[in-house]
Amino acid sequence: MEPVWLVSKGNVLASADLATTRAERRRGLIGAAAVTTPLVLTPCNWVHSVGMRTTLDVAYVGADGAVLDIRTLRPFRVAPPNRRAVTVIEAARGSFERWGLAVGDEVEVRRP
């Protein structure tokens, strides 16, 4: 995992982990009792919460950095794919509301 910043509207939303390998993307947050750090999955356009113990906020992000869709994903669910997404951001439930992140906002993943 690589540490990154999630930035929107010139503000840092959170520090996050970027899954840099296929194995890291495949494993995701499975088995985590709590999500303390958001996870950025790229390339990715589909996620599931099978094996999760906590509810997630999930944002699908397009190639231009625009948030295409936001969903709340309870444990042991399969989210529909978003064919236009190239990145998925997973965070603790309520994170996006707290950050003020909404569909249409642009999100940048910055390396420190």
N, C-alpha and C. Protein backbone atom coordinates (compact mmCIF):
# COMPACT_ATOMS: atom_id res chain seq x y z
N MET A 1 0.85 -1.18 0.00
CA MET A 1 0.00 0.00 0.00
C MET A 1 0.90 1.24 0.00
N GLU A 2 0.43 2.24 -0.69
CA GLU A 2 1.17 3.49 -0.78
C GLU A 2 0.33 4.61 -0.15
N PRO A 3 0.90 5.42 0.73
CA PRO A 3 0.13 6.51 1.33
C PRO A 3 -0.12 7.62 0.30
N VAL A 4 -1.34 8.14 0.28
CA VAL A 4 -1.72 9.23 -0.62
C VAL A 4 -2.66 10.18 0.11
N TRP A 5 -2.93 11.32 -0.52
CA TRP A 5 -3.91 12.28 -0.03
C TRP A 5 -5.10 12.30 -0.97
N LEU A 6 -6.30 12.41 -0.44
CA LEU A 6 -7.50 12.64 -1.24
C LEU A 6 -7.80 14.13 -1.15
N VAL A 7 -7.83 14.80 -2.32
CA VAL A 7 -7.98 16.25 -2.38
C VAL A 7 -9.19 16.59 -3.24
N SER A 8 -10.02 17.52 -2.77
CA SER A 8 -11.17 17.99 -3.54
C SER A 8 -11.39 19.46 -3.23
N LYS A 9 -11.64 20.23 -4.28
CA LYS A 9 -11.89 21.67 -4.14
C LYS A 9 -10.76 22.37 -3.39
N GLY A 10 -9.53 21.90 -3.59
CA GLY A 10 -8.38 22.51 -2.96
C GLY A 10 -8.17 22.13 -1.51
N ASN A 11 -9.02 21.25 -0.99
CA ASN A 11 -8.91 20.83 0.41
C ASN A 11 -8.53 19.36 0.51
N VAL A 12 -7.68 19.05 1.47
CA VAL A 12 -7.35 17.65 1.74
C VAL A 12 -8.51 17.05 2.50
N LEU A 13 -9.10 15.99 1.92
CA LEU A 13 -10.22 15.32 2.57
C LEU A 13 -9.71 14.33 3.62
N ALA A 14 -8.67 13.57 3.23
CA ALA A 14 -8.15 12.54 4.14
C ALA A 14 -6.85 11.99 3.59
N SER A 15 -6.08 11.40 4.49
CA SER A 15 -4.97 10.57 4.03
C SER A 15 -5.57 9.20 3.74
N ALA A 16 -5.03 8.51 2.76
CA ALA A 16 -5.59 7.23 2.33
C ALA A 16 -4.46 6.29 1.94
N ASP A 17 -4.84 5.05 1.69
CA ASP A 17 -3.91 4.05 1.17
C ASP A 17 -4.29 3.75 -0.26
N LEU A 18 -3.30 3.72 -1.14
CA LEU A 18 -3.50 3.36 -2.54
C LEU A 18 -3.06 1.91 -2.70
N ALA A 19 -3.99 1.06 -3.15
CA ALA A 19 -3.66 -0.34 -3.42
C ALA A 19 -2.84 -0.36 -4.70
N THR A 20 -1.57 -0.73 -4.60
CA THR A 20 -0.66 -0.63 -5.74
C THR A 20 -0.48 -1.93 -6.51
N THR A 21 -0.93 -3.03 -5.95
CA THR A 21 -0.81 -4.32 -6.65
C THR A 21 -2.17 -4.94 -6.85
N ARG A 22 -2.23 -5.88 -7.76
CA ARG A 22 -3.49 -6.58 -8.01
C ARG A 22 -3.96 -7.32 -6.75
N ALA A 23 -3.03 -7.92 -6.04
CA ALA A 23 -3.36 -8.64 -4.81
C ALA A 23 -3.95 -7.70 -3.76
N GLU A 24 -3.38 -6.50 -3.63
CA GLU A 24 -3.91 -5.51 -2.67
C GLU A 24 -5.30 -5.07 -3.08
N ARG A 25 -5.52 -4.86 -4.38
CA ARG A 25 -6.85 -4.46 -4.84
C ARG A 25 -7.86 -5.58 -4.60
N ARG A 26 -7.46 -6.81 -4.84
CA ARG A 26 -8.35 -7.95 -4.65
C ARG A 26 -8.72 -8.12 -3.18
N ARG A 27 -7.75 -7.96 -2.29
CA ARG A 27 -8.00 -8.12 -0.86
C ARG A 27 -8.80 -6.94 -0.30
N GLY A 28 -8.48 -5.74 -0.75
CA GLY A 28 -9.21 -4.56 -0.28
C GLY A 28 -9.22 -4.45 1.22
N LEU A 29 -10.39 -4.25 1.77
CA LEU A 29 -10.55 -4.10 3.22
C LEU A 29 -11.16 -5.34 3.87
N ILE A 30 -11.17 -6.46 3.16
CA ILE A 30 -11.77 -7.68 3.69
C ILE A 30 -11.12 -8.04 5.02
N GLY A 31 -11.98 -8.32 5.99
CA GLY A 31 -11.52 -8.74 7.31
C GLY A 31 -11.29 -7.59 8.27
N ALA A 32 -11.32 -6.36 7.78
CA ALA A 32 -11.10 -5.22 8.68
C ALA A 32 -12.29 -5.05 9.62
N ALA A 33 -12.03 -4.96 10.92
CA ALA A 33 -13.10 -4.75 11.90
C ALA A 33 -13.62 -3.32 11.83
N ALA A 34 -12.74 -2.40 11.46
CA ALA A 34 -13.11 -0.99 11.32
C ALA A 34 -12.23 -0.39 10.23
N VAL A 35 -12.75 0.61 9.56
CA VAL A 35 -11.99 1.28 8.51
C VAL A 35 -11.45 2.58 9.09
N THR A 36 -10.16 2.63 9.33
CA THR A 36 -9.55 3.83 9.90
C THR A 36 -8.94 4.70 8.82
N THR A 37 -8.57 4.09 7.70
CA THR A 37 -7.96 4.81 6.59
C THR A 37 -8.69 4.44 5.30
N PRO A 38 -9.13 5.42 4.52
CA PRO A 38 -9.77 5.10 3.24
C PRO A 38 -8.81 4.33 2.33
N LEU A 39 -9.41 3.57 1.41
CA LEU A 39 -8.62 2.79 0.46
C LEU A 39 -8.99 3.22 -0.95
N VAL A 40 -7.97 3.45 -1.77
CA VAL A 40 -8.16 3.83 -3.17
C VAL A 40 -7.78 2.63 -4.03
N LEU A 41 -8.71 2.21 -4.88
CA LEU A 41 -8.50 1.07 -5.77
C LEU A 41 -8.52 1.57 -7.20
N THR A 42 -7.40 1.40 -7.91
CA THR A 42 -7.35 1.82 -9.31
C THR A 42 -6.37 0.94 -10.06
N PRO A 43 -6.69 0.39 -11.19
CA PRO A 43 -7.98 0.51 -11.87
C PRO A 43 -9.03 -0.37 -11.18
N CYS A 44 -10.25 0.14 -11.12
CA CYS A 44 -11.34 -0.58 -10.47
C CYS A 44 -12.66 0.08 -10.85
N ASN A 45 -13.69 -0.74 -11.09
CA ASN A 45 -15.03 -0.18 -11.34
C ASN A 45 -16.12 -0.99 -10.66
N TRP A 46 -15.72 -1.91 -9.76
CA TRP A 46 -16.68 -2.78 -9.09
C TRP A 46 -16.09 -3.25 -7.78
N VAL A 47 -16.90 -3.28 -6.72
CA VAL A 47 -16.44 -3.78 -5.42
C VAL A 47 -17.55 -4.61 -4.77
N HIS A 48 -17.16 -5.34 -3.76
CA HIS A 48 -18.12 -6.10 -2.95
C HIS A 48 -17.69 -5.98 -1.49
N SER A 49 -18.57 -6.37 -0.60
CA SER A 49 -18.24 -6.32 0.83
C SER A 49 -18.35 -7.70 1.47
N VAL A 50 -18.23 -8.74 0.66
CA VAL A 50 -18.22 -10.10 1.19
C VAL A 50 -16.98 -10.26 2.06
N GLY A 51 -17.17 -10.68 3.28
CA GLY A 51 -16.06 -10.82 4.21
C GLY A 51 -15.82 -9.57 5.06
N MET A 52 -16.58 -8.52 4.80
CA MET A 52 -16.44 -7.28 5.59
C MET A 52 -17.26 -7.38 6.87
N ARG A 53 -16.83 -6.65 7.87
CA ARG A 53 -17.55 -6.60 9.14
C ARG A 53 -18.15 -5.22 9.41
N THR A 54 -17.94 -4.31 8.48
CA THR A 54 -18.39 -2.94 8.69
C THR A 54 -18.99 -2.38 7.40
N THR A 55 -19.84 -1.38 7.52
CA THR A 55 -20.46 -0.74 6.37
C THR A 55 -19.51 0.30 5.79
N LEU A 56 -19.49 0.39 4.46
CA LEU A 56 -18.58 1.29 3.75
C LEU A 56 -19.31 2.37 2.98
N ASP A 57 -18.66 3.52 2.83
CA ASP A 57 -19.00 4.49 1.79
C ASP A 57 -18.14 4.12 0.60
N VAL A 58 -18.75 4.09 -0.59
CA VAL A 58 -18.03 3.73 -1.81
C VAL A 58 -18.28 4.82 -2.85
N ALA A 59 -17.20 5.38 -3.40
CA ALA A 59 -17.29 6.39 -4.46
C ALA A 59 -16.66 5.84 -5.73
N TYR A 60 -17.41 5.93 -6.82
CA TYR A 60 -16.90 5.55 -8.14
C TYR A 60 -16.43 6.82 -8.82
N VAL A 61 -15.18 6.81 -9.29
CA VAL A 61 -14.56 8.01 -9.86
C VAL A 61 -14.17 7.73 -11.31
N GLY A 62 -14.49 8.68 -12.20
CA GLY A 62 -14.17 8.54 -13.62
C GLY A 62 -12.74 8.95 -13.93
N ALA A 63 -12.36 8.77 -15.18
CA ALA A 63 -11.00 9.08 -15.63
C ALA A 63 -10.66 10.55 -15.44
N ASP A 64 -11.65 11.42 -15.47
CA ASP A 64 -11.42 12.85 -15.30
C ASP A 64 -11.39 13.27 -13.82
N GLY A 65 -11.55 12.31 -12.91
CA GLY A 65 -11.52 12.61 -11.48
C GLY A 65 -12.87 12.96 -10.89
N ALA A 66 -13.92 12.98 -11.71
CA ALA A 66 -15.26 13.32 -11.22
C ALA A 66 -15.90 12.12 -10.54
N VAL A 67 -16.56 12.38 -9.41
CA VAL A 67 -17.29 11.34 -8.71
C VAL A 67 -18.55 11.03 -9.51
N LEU A 68 -18.67 9.78 -9.96
CA LEU A 68 -19.79 9.37 -10.80
C LEU A 68 -20.97 8.87 -9.98
N ASP A 69 -20.68 8.22 -8.86
CA ASP A 69 -21.73 7.62 -8.03
C ASP A 69 -21.18 7.41 -6.64
N ILE A 70 -22.05 7.48 -5.65
CA ILE A 70 -21.70 7.20 -4.27
C ILE A 70 -22.72 6.22 -3.73
N ARG A 71 -22.24 5.21 -3.05
CA ARG A 71 -23.13 4.20 -2.46
C ARG A 71 -22.69 3.88 -1.05
N THR A 72 -23.64 3.39 -0.26
CA THR A 72 -23.34 2.82 1.05
C THR A 72 -23.45 1.32 0.89
N LEU A 73 -22.41 0.61 1.27
CA LEU A 73 -22.35 -0.83 1.05
C LEU A 73 -22.25 -1.55 2.39
N ARG A 74 -23.34 -2.24 2.75
CA ARG A 74 -23.36 -3.01 3.99
C ARG A 74 -22.55 -4.30 3.81
N PRO A 75 -22.15 -4.94 4.91
CA PRO A 75 -21.38 -6.19 4.81
C PRO A 75 -22.12 -7.26 4.01
N PHE A 76 -21.33 -8.06 3.32
CA PHE A 76 -21.80 -9.20 2.53
C PHE A 76 -22.77 -8.81 1.42
N ARG A 77 -22.44 -7.71 0.74
CA ARG A 77 -23.23 -7.23 -0.39
C ARG A 77 -22.33 -7.12 -1.62
N VAL A 78 -22.95 -7.12 -2.79
CA VAL A 78 -22.24 -6.93 -4.05
C VAL A 78 -22.80 -5.68 -4.70
N ALA A 79 -21.94 -4.71 -4.94
CA ALA A 79 -22.37 -3.46 -5.58
C ALA A 79 -22.37 -3.66 -7.09
N PRO A 80 -23.26 -2.98 -7.80
CA PRO A 80 -23.23 -3.08 -9.26
C PRO A 80 -21.99 -2.37 -9.80
N PRO A 81 -21.44 -2.87 -10.90
CA PRO A 81 -20.28 -2.19 -11.49
C PRO A 81 -20.69 -0.86 -12.11
N ASN A 82 -19.74 0.05 -12.18
CA ASN A 82 -19.95 1.31 -12.88
C ASN A 82 -18.94 1.32 -14.02
N ARG A 83 -19.40 1.06 -15.20
CA ARG A 83 -18.52 0.88 -16.36
C ARG A 83 -17.68 2.11 -16.68
N ARG A 84 -18.11 3.29 -16.28
CA ARG A 84 -17.35 4.52 -16.56
C ARG A 84 -16.28 4.80 -15.52
N ALA A 85 -16.33 4.10 -14.39
CA ALA A 85 -15.37 4.34 -13.30
C ALA A 85 -14.02 3.70 -13.61
N VAL A 86 -12.96 4.38 -13.18
CA VAL A 86 -11.62 3.83 -13.26
C VAL A 86 -10.99 3.70 -11.88
N THR A 87 -11.62 4.33 -10.90
CA THR A 87 -11.13 4.32 -9.53
C THR A 87 -12.32 4.16 -8.59
N VAL A 88 -12.10 3.43 -7.50
CA VAL A 88 -13.09 3.33 -6.44
C VAL A 88 -12.42 3.72 -5.14
N ILE A 89 -13.12 4.54 -4.36
CA ILE A 89 -12.63 4.93 -3.03
C ILE A 89 -13.56 4.30 -2.00
N GLU A 90 -12.99 3.55 -1.07
CA GLU A 90 -13.74 2.95 0.02
C GLU A 90 -13.35 3.65 1.32
N ALA A 91 -14.36 4.01 2.10
CA ALA A 91 -14.10 4.71 3.37
C ALA A 91 -15.14 4.27 4.39
N ALA A 92 -14.90 4.62 5.64
CA ALA A 92 -15.86 4.31 6.70
C ALA A 92 -17.18 5.00 6.42
N ARG A 93 -18.26 4.35 6.81
CA ARG A 93 -19.59 4.91 6.61
C ARG A 93 -19.67 6.31 7.24
N GLY A 94 -20.22 7.25 6.49
CA GLY A 94 -20.37 8.62 6.96
C GLY A 94 -19.21 9.53 6.57
N SER A 95 -18.13 8.95 6.06
CA SER A 95 -16.95 9.76 5.71
C SER A 95 -17.27 10.78 4.63
N PHE A 96 -17.95 10.37 3.57
CA PHE A 96 -18.20 11.27 2.45
C PHE A 96 -19.09 12.43 2.87
N GLU A 97 -20.08 12.15 3.71
CA GLU A 97 -20.94 13.22 4.22
C GLU A 97 -20.11 14.20 5.06
N ARG A 98 -19.25 13.66 5.90
CA ARG A 98 -18.40 14.50 6.75
C ARG A 98 -17.44 15.35 5.91
N TRP A 99 -16.93 14.77 4.82
CA TRP A 99 -16.02 15.49 3.94
C TRP A 99 -16.73 16.45 3.01
N GLY A 100 -18.05 16.29 2.86
CA GLY A 100 -18.80 17.10 1.89
C GLY A 100 -18.62 16.62 0.47
N LEU A 101 -18.27 15.36 0.27
CA LEU A 101 -18.04 14.80 -1.06
C LEU A 101 -19.37 14.37 -1.67
N ALA A 102 -19.62 14.80 -2.91
CA ALA A 102 -20.88 14.50 -3.57
C ALA A 102 -20.63 14.12 -5.03
N VAL A 103 -21.62 13.51 -5.64
CA VAL A 103 -21.56 13.18 -7.06
C VAL A 103 -21.30 14.47 -7.84
N GLY A 104 -20.37 14.40 -8.79
CA GLY A 104 -19.99 15.56 -9.59
C GLY A 104 -18.75 16.26 -9.10
N ASP A 105 -18.41 16.09 -7.82
CA ASP A 105 -17.17 16.69 -7.30
C ASP A 105 -15.97 16.01 -7.94
N GLU A 106 -14.89 16.77 -8.07
CA GLU A 106 -13.64 16.19 -8.56
C GLU A 106 -12.77 15.81 -7.37
N VAL A 107 -12.17 14.62 -7.47
CA VAL A 107 -11.28 14.12 -6.43
C VAL A 107 -9.94 13.82 -7.08
N GLU A 108 -8.90 14.27 -6.42
CA GLU A 108 -7.54 14.01 -6.90
C GLU A 108 -6.84 13.13 -5.87
N VAL A 109 -6.13 12.14 -6.37
CA VAL A 109 -5.30 11.29 -5.50
C VAL A 109 -3.87 11.79 -5.65
N ARG A 110 -3.36 12.40 -4.59
CA ARG A 110 -2.01 12.99 -4.62
C ARG A 110 -1.04 12.18 -3.80
N ARG A 111 0.11 12.00 -4.38
CA ARG A 111 1.18 11.36 -3.62
C ARG A 111 1.89 12.44 -2.82
N PRO A 112 2.25 12.13 -1.55
CA PRO A 112 2.92 13.15 -0.71
C PRO A 112 4.30 13.51 -1.24
